[in-house]
Amino acid sequence: MDTVRRLVPQPPLLAAGALGGPFVIGSLTPLRNVMSNAAQDQQSTFLQLYRKVIGSPSLSAAQQLRVAYTGALVSVPPACPQWCMIGPFFHLLHTVLPTPAAILGTACLETSITFGSQTRNVQMAYNVQAPKTPVPLSPIIRPWGPGAPFYVLRNCCGMAGIRWFSPPLQNMLQPVLPSGPREVVADMTACMATCVASAPLNACWSYTVTTPAMWSMGFPARVAAITSFLRTQYLDSTGTRLSRLAMRDLGVRCVYVSCCFTMFRGIERLSMKHWPISHW
């Protein structure tokens, strides 16, 4: 019985994942749509991406909110088990595995839960921006598909910020900042640092799931298509320097990831401190 108790996540961690996860995913839907749309938009600037996510200025405020939150209802229900994986399941794996292995295991399980819904969210947001060339919508319950390897690696990068890099940063900041601000600054800094790797991975996934021609390609052709996309998206005409889109995409990824994981870690810490039932 004691062994079972040790394996079952504690109530505060379960509460943070089950309640905090859907809140974070739902509230940040516009930022997630901006990040996804950037993969197929080579013209808009950083600010224009955020303006376009709410639709035409001629729309009413209610209509703009509806456009901005396209895909929220698809993404919120799976967010409950998703963040129970990122929270309680990670802590469970971490009791028997080193941090990198626990992150990878959590990312794989998270992918099997959310790949279908997140892919559909990206496609719905894309179809709102490009009504003349809509893409078919992916089934919500789909554990794997085109672009999934990028999705797994992107999730690993996202979790690495708060689970792997933030704790050492908190120790470094201990003489400078009090508890509370110290954790928030460390979480945000670590998350933004991981975006250097996760931004192109997220762009590759978003581009793949909104480009139907890639879905039936063989592996060599798909690699060539992704290579061409990355070259066009992130290198200038000379092919030797980063393009303006590279910094734009990194910026929108940093905004979303730092908000997403910092909010969740804050909810997790508050739950551990104030949830009325701390042990089974």
Protein backbone atom coordinates (compact mmCIF):
# COMPACT_ATOMS: atom_id res chain seq x y z
CA MET A 1 0.00 0.00 0.00
CA ASP A 2 2.85 2.42 0.80
CA THR A 3 4.37 1.69 -2.62
CA VAL A 4 1.06 2.48 -4.32
CA ARG A 5 0.76 5.74 -2.39
CA ARG A 6 4.24 6.76 -3.52
CA LEU A 7 3.38 6.06 -7.16
CA VAL A 8 0.09 7.98 -7.15
CA PRO A 9 0.64 11.75 -7.57
CA GLN A 10 -0.35 13.87 -4.61
CA PRO A 11 -3.64 15.83 -4.69
CA PRO A 12 -2.06 19.29 -5.17
CA LEU A 13 -0.19 18.12 -8.28
CA LEU A 14 -3.29 16.46 -9.71
CA ALA A 15 -5.35 19.59 -9.00
CA ALA A 16 -2.79 21.82 -10.72
CA GLY A 17 -2.81 19.64 -13.82
CA ALA A 18 -6.54 18.98 -13.98
CA LEU A 19 -7.67 22.56 -13.28
CA GLY A 20 -4.70 24.74 -14.13
CA GLY A 21 -3.90 23.05 -17.45
CA PRO A 22 -7.25 23.74 -19.16
CA PHE A 23 -7.21 27.31 -17.84
CA VAL A 24 -3.75 27.97 -19.27
CA ILE A 25 -4.46 26.37 -22.65
CA GLY A 26 -7.85 28.04 -23.03
CA SER A 27 -6.80 31.53 -21.99
CA LEU A 28 -3.70 31.56 -24.23
CA THR A 29 -5.46 30.35 -27.40
CA PRO A 30 -4.91 33.67 -29.29
CA LEU A 31 -1.17 33.57 -28.57
CA ARG A 32 -1.03 29.94 -29.71
CA ASN A 33 -2.87 30.80 -32.94
CA VAL A 34 -0.45 33.64 -33.66
CA MET A 35 2.46 31.23 -33.24
CA SER A 36 0.87 28.63 -35.53
CA ASN A 37 -0.14 31.10 -38.25
CA ALA A 38 3.43 32.41 -38.48
CA ALA A 39 4.51 29.17 -40.19
CA GLN A 40 2.43 29.97 -43.29
CA ASP A 41 2.72 33.77 -43.18
CA GLN A 42 5.94 35.13 -44.67
CA GLN A 43 4.67 38.70 -45.03
CA SER A 44 3.35 39.91 -41.67
CA THR A 45 5.50 41.55 -39.04
CA PHE A 46 5.49 40.60 -35.36
CA LEU A 47 2.72 43.08 -34.50
CA GLN A 48 0.72 42.36 -37.65
CA LEU A 49 0.47 38.69 -36.67
CA TYR A 50 -1.21 39.70 -33.41
CA ARG A 51 -3.54 42.11 -35.18
CA LYS A 52 -4.57 39.49 -37.75
CA VAL A 53 -5.41 36.87 -35.14
CA ILE A 54 -8.53 38.80 -34.12
CA GLY A 55 -9.80 39.05 -37.70
CA SER A 56 -10.93 42.06 -39.69
CA PRO A 57 -11.24 45.44 -37.90
CA SER A 58 -14.77 45.65 -39.29
CA LEU A 59 -15.89 42.81 -37.02
CA SER A 60 -17.62 43.50 -33.72
CA ALA A 61 -15.77 42.91 -30.46
CA ALA A 62 -17.68 39.67 -29.89
CA GLN A 63 -16.82 38.43 -33.40
CA GLN A 64 -13.15 39.34 -32.92
CA LEU A 65 -13.07 37.36 -29.68
CA ARG A 66 -14.65 34.40 -31.46
CA VAL A 67 -11.98 34.55 -34.18
CA ALA A 68 -9.13 35.01 -31.68
CA TYR A 69 -10.26 31.97 -29.68
CA THR A 70 -10.68 29.71 -32.72
CA GLY A 71 -9.88 26.17 -31.63
CA ALA A 72 -10.15 26.81 -27.89
CA LEU A 73 -13.01 24.35 -27.42
CA VAL A 74 -11.01 21.70 -29.27
CA SER A 75 -7.87 22.18 -27.17
CA VAL A 76 -9.27 22.67 -23.67
CA PRO A 77 -10.74 19.19 -22.91
CA PRO A 78 -7.48 17.29 -23.68
CA ALA A 79 -5.58 19.90 -21.66
CA CYS A 80 -6.73 18.23 -18.43
CA PRO A 81 -4.94 14.89 -19.06
CA GLN A 82 -2.18 16.75 -20.94
CA TRP A 83 -1.14 18.83 -17.96
CA CYS A 84 -1.58 15.91 -15.63
CA MET A 85 1.19 14.38 -17.74
CA ILE A 86 3.37 17.50 -17.65
CA GLY A 87 2.80 17.81 -13.88
CA PRO A 88 2.10 14.64 -11.87
CA PHE A 89 3.36 12.12 -14.45
CA PHE A 90 6.66 13.97 -14.84
CA HIS A 91 7.20 13.97 -11.07
CA LEU A 92 6.39 10.26 -10.99
CA LEU A 93 8.91 9.45 -13.73
CA HIS A 94 11.46 11.73 -12.11
CA THR A 95 11.50 9.54 -9.01
CA VAL A 96 13.04 6.69 -11.04
CA LEU A 97 14.58 8.40 -14.08
CA PRO A 98 17.02 11.29 -14.64
CA THR A 99 15.49 14.60 -15.68
CA PRO A 100 16.12 14.32 -19.47
CA ALA A 101 14.61 10.82 -19.65
CA ALA A 102 11.61 11.89 -17.54
CA ILE A 103 11.06 14.86 -19.87
CA LEU A 104 11.22 12.66 -22.99
CA GLY A 105 8.84 10.07 -21.53
CA THR A 106 6.39 12.77 -20.51
CA ALA A 107 6.59 14.43 -23.93
CA CYS A 108 5.81 11.16 -25.72
CA LEU A 109 2.77 10.48 -23.57
CA GLU A 110 1.63 14.10 -23.85
CA THR A 111 1.88 13.82 -27.63
CA SER A 112 -0.37 10.75 -27.74
CA ILE A 113 -3.02 12.72 -25.82
CA THR A 114 -2.90 16.11 -27.53
CA PHE A 115 -1.52 15.63 -31.03
CA GLY A 116 -4.95 15.33 -32.65
CA SER A 117 -6.58 18.26 -30.85
CA GLN A 118 -3.60 20.62 -31.18
CA THR A 119 -3.23 19.74 -34.87
CA ARG A 120 -6.92 20.49 -35.44
CA ASN A 121 -6.53 23.79 -33.55
CA VAL A 122 -3.67 24.83 -35.86
CA GLN A 123 -5.67 23.87 -38.95
CA MET A 124 -8.77 25.73 -37.76
CA ALA A 125 -6.74 28.87 -37.06
CA TYR A 126 -5.10 28.59 -40.48
CA ASN A 127 -8.46 28.18 -42.23
CA VAL A 128 -9.74 31.37 -40.60
CA GLN A 129 -6.75 33.28 -42.00
CA ALA A 130 -6.83 31.60 -45.45
CA PRO A 131 -10.50 30.92 -46.31
CA LYS A 132 -9.77 30.41 -50.04
CA THR A 133 -7.48 27.43 -49.44
CA PRO A 134 -8.77 25.61 -46.34
CA VAL A 135 -7.02 22.44 -45.25
CA PRO A 136 -8.88 19.29 -44.14
CA LEU A 137 -9.25 19.03 -40.38
CA SER A 138 -7.45 16.28 -38.50
CA PRO A 139 -9.44 13.94 -36.21
CA ILE A 140 -9.37 15.17 -32.61
CA ILE A 141 -8.50 11.71 -31.29
CA ARG A 142 -5.32 10.99 -33.23
CA PRO A 143 -2.18 10.01 -31.31
CA TRP A 144 0.28 10.32 -34.19
CA GLY A 145 0.55 11.66 -37.74
CA PRO A 146 2.58 13.88 -40.10
CA GLY A 147 4.69 16.31 -38.09
CA ALA A 148 4.47 14.32 -34.83
CA PRO A 149 8.28 13.93 -34.37
CA PHE A 150 8.61 17.73 -34.42
CA TYR A 151 5.75 17.92 -31.93
CA VAL A 152 7.46 15.54 -29.50
CA LEU A 153 10.78 17.41 -29.66
CA ARG A 154 8.99 20.75 -29.28
CA ASN A 155 7.25 19.48 -26.16
CA CYS A 156 10.59 18.28 -24.76
CA CYS A 157 12.06 21.76 -25.22
CA GLY A 158 9.05 23.39 -23.58
CA MET A 159 9.23 21.20 -20.47
CA ALA A 160 13.02 21.42 -20.25
CA GLY A 161 12.73 25.11 -19.43
CA ILE A 162 10.76 24.72 -16.19
CA ARG A 163 11.90 21.21 -15.25
CA TRP A 164 15.61 21.21 -16.10
CA PHE A 165 17.00 24.74 -16.54
CA SER A 166 14.89 26.77 -14.14
CA PRO A 167 16.03 25.15 -10.83
CA PRO A 168 19.73 26.05 -11.35
CA LEU A 169 18.70 29.57 -12.34
CA GLN A 170 16.68 29.88 -9.15
CA ASN A 171 19.76 28.96 -7.14
CA MET A 172 21.81 31.56 -8.98
CA LEU A 173 19.19 34.26 -8.35
CA GLN A 174 18.74 33.43 -4.66
CA PRO A 175 21.09 36.20 -3.42
CA VAL A 176 19.38 38.73 -5.68
CA LEU A 177 15.63 38.09 -5.58
CA PRO A 178 13.24 36.92 -2.86
CA SER A 179 11.16 33.78 -3.19
CA GLY A 180 8.23 34.31 -5.54
CA PRO A 181 9.75 36.78 -8.02
CA ARG A 182 12.84 34.55 -8.14
CA GLU A 183 10.89 31.52 -9.36
CA VAL A 184 8.91 33.56 -11.91
CA VAL A 185 12.02 35.22 -13.38
CA ALA A 186 13.87 31.90 -13.52
CA ASP A 187 10.94 30.13 -15.18
CA MET A 188 10.46 32.83 -17.81
CA THR A 189 14.17 33.11 -18.56
CA ALA A 190 14.58 29.34 -18.90
CA CYS A 191 11.49 29.04 -21.11
CA MET A 192 12.66 31.81 -23.45
CA ALA A 193 16.09 30.20 -23.71
CA THR A 194 14.57 26.90 -24.87
CA CYS A 195 12.61 28.74 -27.56
CA VAL A 196 15.78 28.98 -29.65
CA ALA A 197 15.35 25.26 -30.28
CA SER A 198 11.58 24.90 -29.98
CA ALA A 199 10.61 27.78 -32.34
CA PRO A 200 11.83 26.07 -35.55
CA LEU A 201 10.48 22.72 -34.33
CA ASN A 202 7.06 24.25 -33.76
CA ALA A 203 7.21 25.97 -37.16
CA CYS A 204 8.03 22.65 -38.87
CA TRP A 205 5.09 20.96 -37.15
CA SER A 206 2.67 23.81 -37.95
CA TYR A 207 3.82 23.96 -41.57
CA THR A 208 3.49 20.19 -41.99
CA VAL A 209 -0.06 19.95 -40.62
CA THR A 210 -1.24 22.89 -42.76
CA THR A 211 0.37 21.63 -45.99
CA PRO A 212 -1.73 18.67 -47.21
CA ALA A 213 0.70 17.91 -50.04
CA MET A 214 3.25 16.79 -47.44
CA TRP A 215 0.97 14.24 -45.80
CA SER A 216 1.36 11.65 -48.57
CA MET A 217 5.05 12.27 -49.30
CA GLY A 218 7.70 9.66 -48.69
CA PHE A 219 10.36 10.32 -46.07
CA PRO A 220 13.04 11.73 -48.46
CA ALA A 221 10.56 14.09 -50.13
CA ARG A 222 9.26 15.25 -46.76
CA VAL A 223 12.80 15.97 -45.54
CA ALA A 224 13.48 17.98 -48.69
CA ALA A 225 10.23 19.95 -48.24
CA ILE A 226 11.01 20.77 -44.60
CA THR A 227 14.58 21.76 -45.49
CA SER A 228 13.28 24.09 -48.20
CA PHE A 229 10.74 25.57 -45.76
CA LEU A 230 13.37 26.24 -43.09
CA ARG A 231 15.72 27.80 -45.63
CA THR A 232 12.98 30.08 -46.93
CA GLN A 233 11.68 30.94 -43.47
CA TYR A 234 14.91 31.55 -41.59
CA LEU A 235 17.62 32.52 -44.10
CA ASP A 236 17.84 35.61 -46.27
CA SER A 237 18.28 35.56 -50.05
CA THR A 238 22.03 34.99 -49.73
CA GLY A 239 21.47 31.91 -47.57
CA THR A 240 24.16 33.01 -45.15
CA ARG A 241 22.29 35.19 -42.64
CA LEU A 242 19.13 34.88 -40.58
CA SER A 243 16.05 36.49 -42.08
CA ARG A 244 13.69 38.85 -40.28
CA LEU A 245 11.22 35.97 -40.01
CA ALA A 246 13.64 34.06 -37.79
CA MET A 247 13.52 36.74 -35.09
CA ARG A 248 9.76 37.24 -35.59
CA ASP A 249 9.02 33.53 -35.11
CA LEU A 250 11.37 33.33 -32.14
CA GLY A 251 9.58 36.31 -30.61
CA VAL A 252 6.06 34.89 -30.93
CA ARG A 253 7.26 31.52 -29.62
CA CYS A 254 8.91 33.18 -26.61
CA VAL A 255 5.73 35.11 -25.80
CA TYR A 256 3.57 31.99 -25.83
CA VAL A 257 5.92 29.55 -24.12
CA SER A 258 7.04 31.90 -21.36
CA CYS A 259 3.39 32.77 -20.56
CA CYS A 260 2.22 29.15 -20.81
CA PHE A 261 4.79 27.41 -18.65
CA THR A 262 5.29 30.28 -16.21
CA MET A 263 1.53 30.40 -15.57
CA PHE A 264 1.38 26.64 -15.05
CA ARG A 265 4.39 26.55 -12.71
CA GLY A 266 2.84 29.37 -10.72
CA ILE A 267 -0.44 27.42 -10.45
CA GLU A 268 1.50 24.31 -9.46
CA ARG A 269 3.39 26.15 -6.71
CA LEU A 270 0.20 27.78 -5.40
CA SER A 271 -1.55 24.42 -5.40
CA MET A 272 1.29 22.78 -3.47
CA LYS A 273 1.12 25.56 -0.91
CA HIS A 274 -2.63 26.10 -0.50
CA TRP A 275 -4.53 23.03 -1.73
CA PRO A 276 -6.50 21.82 1.32
CA ILE A 277 -5.67 18.12 0.87
CA SER A 278 -1.91 17.72 0.63
CA HIS A 279 -1.69 13.91 1.02
CA TRP A 280 -3.89 10.93 0.33
